[in-house]
Amino acid sequence: QLQLVESGGGLVQAGGSLRLACAASGSTLMIRTIAWYRLAPEKEREWVAMISRSGNPFYSDSVKGRFTISRDKAKNTVYLEMNDLKPEDTAVYYCNEDRKGSPFGPWGQGTQVTVSS
């Protein structure tokens, strides 16, 4: 059974960068569509980016041009490179498998990203 663990969050100033990791165990990520989501205080969970089984990336308008999603087959890990971070990017970031446009599977603990102005 696929298990995902997020890491890499932290506190950064506006304009800074972070790289999040979504490490998988139990199954390979390469046959799955994996997405990043985020949950900010008093907001609904937001889809941020995803990488399809074929390796094609997709982004929400709010992060397009600033975030890059990628995957490493050898490490069985999906990454989210975040550049030019803004205070509104502050949230807990989660990864999950995407099936037919919806998250599938249990949510992990996520990783906190805090961007100071």
N, C-alpha and C. Protein backbone atom coordinates (compact mmCIF):
# COMPACT_ATOMS: atom_id res chain seq x y z
N GLN A 1 0.85 -1.19 0.00
CA GLN A 1 0.00 0.00 0.00
C GLN A 1 0.89 1.24 0.00
N LEU A 2 0.50 2.21 -0.84
CA LEU A 2 1.30 3.42 -0.96
C LEU A 2 1.21 4.26 0.30
N GLN A 3 2.37 4.68 0.77
CA GLN A 3 2.43 5.61 1.89
C GLN A 3 3.31 6.79 1.48
N LEU A 4 2.86 7.99 1.83
CA LEU A 4 3.55 9.22 1.44
C LEU A 4 3.91 10.03 2.68
N VAL A 5 5.12 10.57 2.69
CA VAL A 5 5.57 11.39 3.81
C VAL A 5 6.16 12.68 3.25
N GLU A 6 5.61 13.81 3.73
CA GLU A 6 6.07 15.11 3.27
C GLU A 6 7.18 15.64 4.18
N SER A 7 8.07 16.42 3.58
CA SER A 7 9.14 17.07 4.35
C SER A 7 9.64 18.27 3.58
N GLY A 8 10.46 19.07 4.25
CA GLY A 8 11.13 20.17 3.57
C GLY A 8 10.59 21.55 3.87
N GLY A 9 9.51 21.63 4.62
CA GLY A 9 8.96 22.94 4.94
C GLY A 9 9.84 23.73 5.88
N GLY A 10 9.45 24.97 6.11
CA GLY A 10 10.22 25.81 7.01
C GLY A 10 9.75 27.23 6.96
N LEU A 11 10.53 28.09 7.59
CA LEU A 11 10.25 29.53 7.62
C LEU A 11 11.20 30.22 6.66
N VAL A 12 10.64 31.04 5.79
CA VAL A 12 11.45 31.73 4.79
C VAL A 12 10.89 33.13 4.58
N GLN A 13 11.75 34.03 4.19
CA GLN A 13 11.29 35.38 3.89
C GLN A 13 10.68 35.44 2.50
N ALA A 14 9.83 36.40 2.30
CA ALA A 14 9.22 36.61 0.99
C ALA A 14 10.32 36.73 -0.06
N GLY A 15 10.10 36.08 -1.19
CA GLY A 15 11.10 36.05 -2.25
C GLY A 15 12.05 34.88 -2.17
N GLY A 16 11.99 34.17 -1.07
CA GLY A 16 12.88 33.03 -0.87
C GLY A 16 12.37 31.77 -1.54
N SER A 17 13.10 30.67 -1.29
CA SER A 17 12.80 29.40 -1.93
C SER A 17 12.82 28.26 -0.92
N LEU A 18 12.07 27.24 -1.23
CA LEU A 18 12.07 25.99 -0.48
C LEU A 18 11.84 24.86 -1.46
N ARG A 19 12.30 23.67 -1.08
CA ARG A 19 12.00 22.48 -1.86
C ARG A 19 11.36 21.45 -0.95
N LEU A 20 10.14 21.10 -1.27
CA LEU A 20 9.41 20.09 -0.52
C LEU A 20 9.62 18.73 -1.16
N ALA A 21 9.59 17.71 -0.32
CA ALA A 21 9.73 16.34 -0.81
C ALA A 21 8.54 15.50 -0.36
N CYS A 22 8.13 14.62 -1.22
CA CYS A 22 7.05 13.67 -0.94
C CYS A 22 7.63 12.28 -1.20
N ALA A 23 8.05 11.64 -0.12
CA ALA A 23 8.71 10.35 -0.24
C ALA A 23 7.69 9.22 -0.14
N ALA A 24 7.79 8.29 -1.05
CA ALA A 24 6.83 7.19 -1.11
C ALA A 24 7.45 5.88 -0.67
N SER A 25 6.62 5.05 -0.09
CA SER A 25 7.02 3.68 0.24
C SER A 25 5.83 2.77 -0.03
N GLY A 26 6.12 1.50 -0.20
CA GLY A 26 5.04 0.55 -0.43
C GLY A 26 4.67 0.36 -1.88
N SER A 27 4.99 1.32 -2.71
CA SER A 27 4.67 1.23 -4.14
C SER A 27 5.44 2.32 -4.87
N THR A 28 5.56 2.17 -6.16
CA THR A 28 6.27 3.18 -6.93
C THR A 28 5.37 4.36 -7.29
N LEU A 29 5.96 5.55 -7.29
CA LEU A 29 5.23 6.75 -7.67
C LEU A 29 5.07 6.86 -9.18
N MET A 30 5.90 6.13 -9.91
CA MET A 30 5.98 6.35 -11.35
C MET A 30 4.71 5.92 -12.09
N ILE A 31 3.89 5.12 -11.47
CA ILE A 31 2.66 4.68 -12.13
C ILE A 31 1.44 5.43 -11.61
N ARG A 32 1.72 6.51 -10.86
CA ARG A 32 0.62 7.24 -10.24
C ARG A 32 0.72 8.73 -10.57
N THR A 33 -0.41 9.39 -10.54
CA THR A 33 -0.44 10.85 -10.59
C THR A 33 -0.37 11.34 -9.16
N ILE A 34 0.62 12.17 -8.88
CA ILE A 34 0.82 12.68 -7.53
C ILE A 34 0.61 14.19 -7.53
N ALA A 35 -0.11 14.66 -6.56
CA ALA A 35 -0.41 16.09 -6.47
C ALA A 35 0.02 16.67 -5.14
N TRP A 36 0.31 17.94 -5.16
CA TRP A 36 0.54 18.71 -3.94
C TRP A 36 -0.68 19.57 -3.67
N TYR A 37 -1.05 19.65 -2.41
CA TYR A 37 -2.15 20.47 -1.95
C TYR A 37 -1.63 21.33 -0.79
N ARG A 38 -2.39 22.34 -0.47
CA ARG A 38 -2.03 23.14 0.70
C ARG A 38 -3.28 23.57 1.43
N LEU A 39 -3.11 23.75 2.74
CA LEU A 39 -4.21 24.15 3.59
C LEU A 39 -3.74 25.30 4.46
N ALA A 40 -4.34 26.44 4.22
CA ALA A 40 -4.01 27.63 5.00
C ALA A 40 -5.10 27.86 6.04
N PRO A 41 -4.77 28.56 7.13
CA PRO A 41 -5.76 28.83 8.18
C PRO A 41 -7.00 29.49 7.62
N GLU A 42 -8.14 28.97 8.01
CA GLU A 42 -9.44 29.51 7.64
C GLU A 42 -9.71 29.45 6.14
N LYS A 43 -9.01 28.59 5.46
CA LYS A 43 -9.25 28.39 4.03
C LYS A 43 -9.47 26.91 3.74
N GLU A 44 -10.04 26.63 2.59
CA GLU A 44 -10.22 25.25 2.18
C GLU A 44 -8.92 24.72 1.56
N ARG A 45 -8.79 23.41 1.58
CA ARG A 45 -7.62 22.81 0.97
C ARG A 45 -7.57 23.17 -0.51
N GLU A 46 -6.39 23.53 -0.98
CA GLU A 46 -6.22 24.01 -2.35
C GLU A 46 -5.26 23.10 -3.10
N TRP A 47 -5.66 22.73 -4.28
CA TRP A 47 -4.77 21.97 -5.16
C TRP A 47 -3.70 22.91 -5.70
N VAL A 48 -2.44 22.49 -5.68
CA VAL A 48 -1.33 23.36 -6.05
C VAL A 48 -0.68 22.92 -7.36
N ALA A 49 -0.35 21.65 -7.45
CA ALA A 49 0.36 21.15 -8.63
C ALA A 49 0.24 19.64 -8.66
N MET A 50 0.45 19.07 -9.83
CA MET A 50 0.49 17.62 -9.93
C MET A 50 1.39 17.20 -11.07
N ILE A 51 1.85 15.97 -10.97
CA ILE A 51 2.65 15.38 -12.03
C ILE A 51 1.98 14.07 -12.41
N SER A 52 1.69 13.93 -13.69
CA SER A 52 0.94 12.78 -14.16
C SER A 52 1.83 11.54 -14.22
N ARG A 53 1.21 10.41 -14.47
CA ARG A 53 1.96 9.16 -14.58
C ARG A 53 3.00 9.24 -15.69
N SER A 54 2.66 9.99 -16.72
CA SER A 54 3.60 10.14 -17.85
C SER A 54 4.64 11.23 -17.61
N GLY A 55 4.54 11.90 -16.48
CA GLY A 55 5.53 12.90 -16.13
C GLY A 55 5.18 14.32 -16.51
N ASN A 56 3.97 14.55 -16.95
CA ASN A 56 3.56 15.91 -17.32
C ASN A 56 3.17 16.70 -16.08
N PRO A 57 3.67 17.93 -15.96
CA PRO A 57 3.33 18.75 -14.79
C PRO A 57 2.13 19.67 -15.06
N PHE A 58 1.40 19.95 -14.01
CA PHE A 58 0.28 20.87 -14.09
C PHE A 58 0.30 21.74 -12.84
N TYR A 59 -0.11 23.00 -12.98
CA TYR A 59 -0.03 23.94 -11.87
C TYR A 59 -1.30 24.77 -11.75
N SER A 60 -1.58 25.17 -10.53
CA SER A 60 -2.65 26.13 -10.34
C SER A 60 -2.16 27.49 -10.80
N ASP A 61 -3.08 28.36 -11.13
CA ASP A 61 -2.71 29.69 -11.59
C ASP A 61 -1.93 30.46 -10.54
N SER A 62 -2.21 30.19 -9.28
CA SER A 62 -1.59 30.95 -8.20
C SER A 62 -0.09 30.65 -8.05
N VAL A 63 0.37 29.53 -8.58
CA VAL A 63 1.78 29.16 -8.41
C VAL A 63 2.51 29.00 -9.73
N LYS A 64 1.79 29.06 -10.82
CA LYS A 64 2.39 28.85 -12.12
C LYS A 64 3.52 29.86 -12.36
N GLY A 65 4.65 29.37 -12.81
CA GLY A 65 5.80 30.22 -13.03
C GLY A 65 6.71 30.37 -11.83
N ARG A 66 6.24 29.95 -10.66
CA ARG A 66 7.05 30.06 -9.44
C ARG A 66 7.39 28.69 -8.87
N PHE A 67 6.49 27.74 -9.01
CA PHE A 67 6.69 26.39 -8.46
C PHE A 67 6.98 25.41 -9.59
N THR A 68 7.77 24.41 -9.27
CA THR A 68 8.08 23.35 -10.23
C THR A 68 7.94 22.00 -9.54
N ILE A 69 7.16 21.13 -10.15
CA ILE A 69 6.99 19.78 -9.61
C ILE A 69 7.84 18.83 -10.44
N SER A 70 8.46 17.89 -9.76
CA SER A 70 9.30 16.92 -10.45
C SER A 70 9.30 15.62 -9.65
N ARG A 71 9.90 14.58 -10.21
CA ARG A 71 9.96 13.32 -9.50
C ARG A 71 11.29 12.63 -9.78
N ASP A 72 11.71 11.83 -8.83
CA ASP A 72 12.96 11.08 -8.92
C ASP A 72 12.61 9.61 -8.79
N LYS A 73 12.79 8.88 -9.86
CA LYS A 73 12.41 7.47 -9.86
C LYS A 73 13.26 6.68 -8.87
N ALA A 74 14.56 6.95 -8.83
CA ALA A 74 15.45 6.19 -7.96
C ALA A 74 15.12 6.41 -6.49
N LYS A 75 14.71 7.62 -6.15
CA LYS A 75 14.38 7.93 -4.76
C LYS A 75 12.90 7.75 -4.47
N ASN A 76 12.13 7.44 -5.50
CA ASN A 76 10.68 7.28 -5.34
C ASN A 76 10.08 8.48 -4.60
N THR A 77 10.44 9.64 -5.08
CA THR A 77 10.08 10.89 -4.40
C THR A 77 9.61 11.92 -5.43
N VAL A 78 8.60 12.66 -5.05
CA VAL A 78 8.14 13.80 -5.83
C VAL A 78 8.54 15.07 -5.08
N TYR A 79 9.02 16.04 -5.83
CA TYR A 79 9.47 17.29 -5.24
C TYR A 79 8.59 18.45 -5.69
N LEU A 80 8.57 19.47 -4.86
CA LEU A 80 7.93 20.73 -5.23
C LEU A 80 8.93 21.84 -4.93
N GLU A 81 9.53 22.35 -5.97
CA GLU A 81 10.47 23.46 -5.85
C GLU A 81 9.66 24.74 -5.86
N MET A 82 9.81 25.53 -4.81
CA MET A 82 9.01 26.75 -4.67
C MET A 82 9.94 27.95 -4.64
N ASN A 83 9.77 28.81 -5.60
CA ASN A 83 10.59 30.01 -5.71
C ASN A 83 9.72 31.26 -5.59
N ASP A 84 10.38 32.38 -5.31
CA ASP A 84 9.66 33.65 -5.20
C ASP A 84 8.44 33.50 -4.27
N LEU A 85 8.68 32.93 -3.13
CA LEU A 85 7.58 32.68 -2.21
C LEU A 85 6.96 33.97 -1.69
N LYS A 86 5.66 33.89 -1.46
CA LYS A 86 4.89 35.04 -1.00
C LYS A 86 4.20 34.69 0.32
N PRO A 87 3.87 35.68 1.11
CA PRO A 87 3.17 35.39 2.37
C PRO A 87 1.90 34.56 2.17
N GLU A 88 1.23 34.74 1.06
CA GLU A 88 0.00 33.98 0.80
C GLU A 88 0.27 32.52 0.46
N ASP A 89 1.54 32.14 0.33
CA ASP A 89 1.89 30.73 0.15
C ASP A 89 1.97 30.00 1.50
N THR A 90 1.86 30.74 2.58
CA THR A 90 1.92 30.13 3.90
C THR A 90 0.77 29.15 4.08
N ALA A 91 1.13 27.92 4.42
CA ALA A 91 0.14 26.85 4.55
C ALA A 91 0.85 25.57 4.97
N VAL A 92 0.06 24.58 5.31
CA VAL A 92 0.58 23.22 5.44
C VAL A 92 0.43 22.56 4.08
N TYR A 93 1.52 22.00 3.60
CA TYR A 93 1.53 21.38 2.28
C TYR A 93 1.47 19.86 2.41
N TYR A 94 0.62 19.27 1.61
CA TYR A 94 0.41 17.83 1.61
C TYR A 94 0.60 17.27 0.20
N CYS A 95 1.03 16.04 0.13
CA CYS A 95 0.99 15.35 -1.16
C CYS A 95 0.03 14.17 -1.05
N ASN A 96 -0.50 13.80 -2.17
CA ASN A 96 -1.44 12.69 -2.20
C ASN A 96 -1.53 12.18 -3.63
N GLU A 97 -1.98 10.96 -3.76
CA GLU A 97 -2.25 10.44 -5.08
C GLU A 97 -3.53 11.11 -5.61
N ASP A 98 -3.51 11.41 -6.90
CA ASP A 98 -4.70 11.99 -7.55
C ASP A 98 -5.33 10.94 -8.44
N ARG A 99 -6.60 10.72 -8.25
CA ARG A 99 -7.35 9.81 -9.13
C ARG A 99 -8.59 10.54 -9.62
N LYS A 100 -8.66 10.67 -10.90
CA LYS A 100 -9.81 11.32 -11.54
C LYS A 100 -10.07 12.70 -10.95
N GLY A 101 -9.01 13.42 -10.67
CA GLY A 101 -9.15 14.79 -10.23
C GLY A 101 -9.40 14.98 -8.76
N SER A 102 -9.33 13.91 -8.01
CA SER A 102 -9.57 14.03 -6.56
C SER A 102 -8.46 13.34 -5.79
N PRO A 103 -8.17 13.83 -4.60
CA PRO A 103 -7.16 13.15 -3.78
C PRO A 103 -7.64 11.77 -3.36
N PHE A 104 -6.71 10.83 -3.34
CA PHE A 104 -7.05 9.45 -3.03
C PHE A 104 -6.10 8.97 -1.95
N GLY A 105 -6.65 8.35 -0.93
CA GLY A 105 -5.79 7.85 0.13
C GLY A 105 -5.78 8.78 1.33
N PRO A 106 -5.24 8.31 2.41
CA PRO A 106 -5.23 9.10 3.65
C PRO A 106 -4.27 10.28 3.54
N TRP A 107 -4.58 11.32 4.28
CA TRP A 107 -3.70 12.48 4.34
C TRP A 107 -2.59 12.22 5.36
N GLY A 108 -1.40 12.67 5.02
CA GLY A 108 -0.30 12.59 5.96
C GLY A 108 -0.30 13.80 6.88
N GLN A 109 0.81 13.99 7.56
CA GLN A 109 0.92 15.11 8.49
C GLN A 109 1.21 16.42 7.78
N GLY A 110 1.71 16.34 6.58
CA GLY A 110 2.02 17.55 5.84
C GLY A 110 3.30 18.20 6.34
N THR A 111 3.67 19.28 5.69
CA THR A 111 4.86 20.03 6.09
C THR A 111 4.52 21.52 6.05
N GLN A 112 4.86 22.21 7.13
CA GLN A 112 4.47 23.61 7.28
C GLN A 112 5.42 24.51 6.50
N VAL A 113 4.84 25.40 5.72
CA VAL A 113 5.60 26.44 5.02
C VAL A 113 5.10 27.78 5.52
N THR A 114 6.01 28.58 6.03
CA THR A 114 5.66 29.91 6.52
C THR A 114 6.53 30.94 5.82
N VAL A 115 5.88 31.89 5.18
CA VAL A 115 6.59 32.93 4.45
C VAL A 115 6.34 34.26 5.14
N SER A 116 7.39 34.87 5.61
CA SER A 116 7.26 36.15 6.30
C SER A 116 7.44 37.30 5.31
N SER A 117 6.75 38.38 5.60
CA SER A 117 6.81 39.54 4.70
C SER A 117 7.93 40.48 5.10
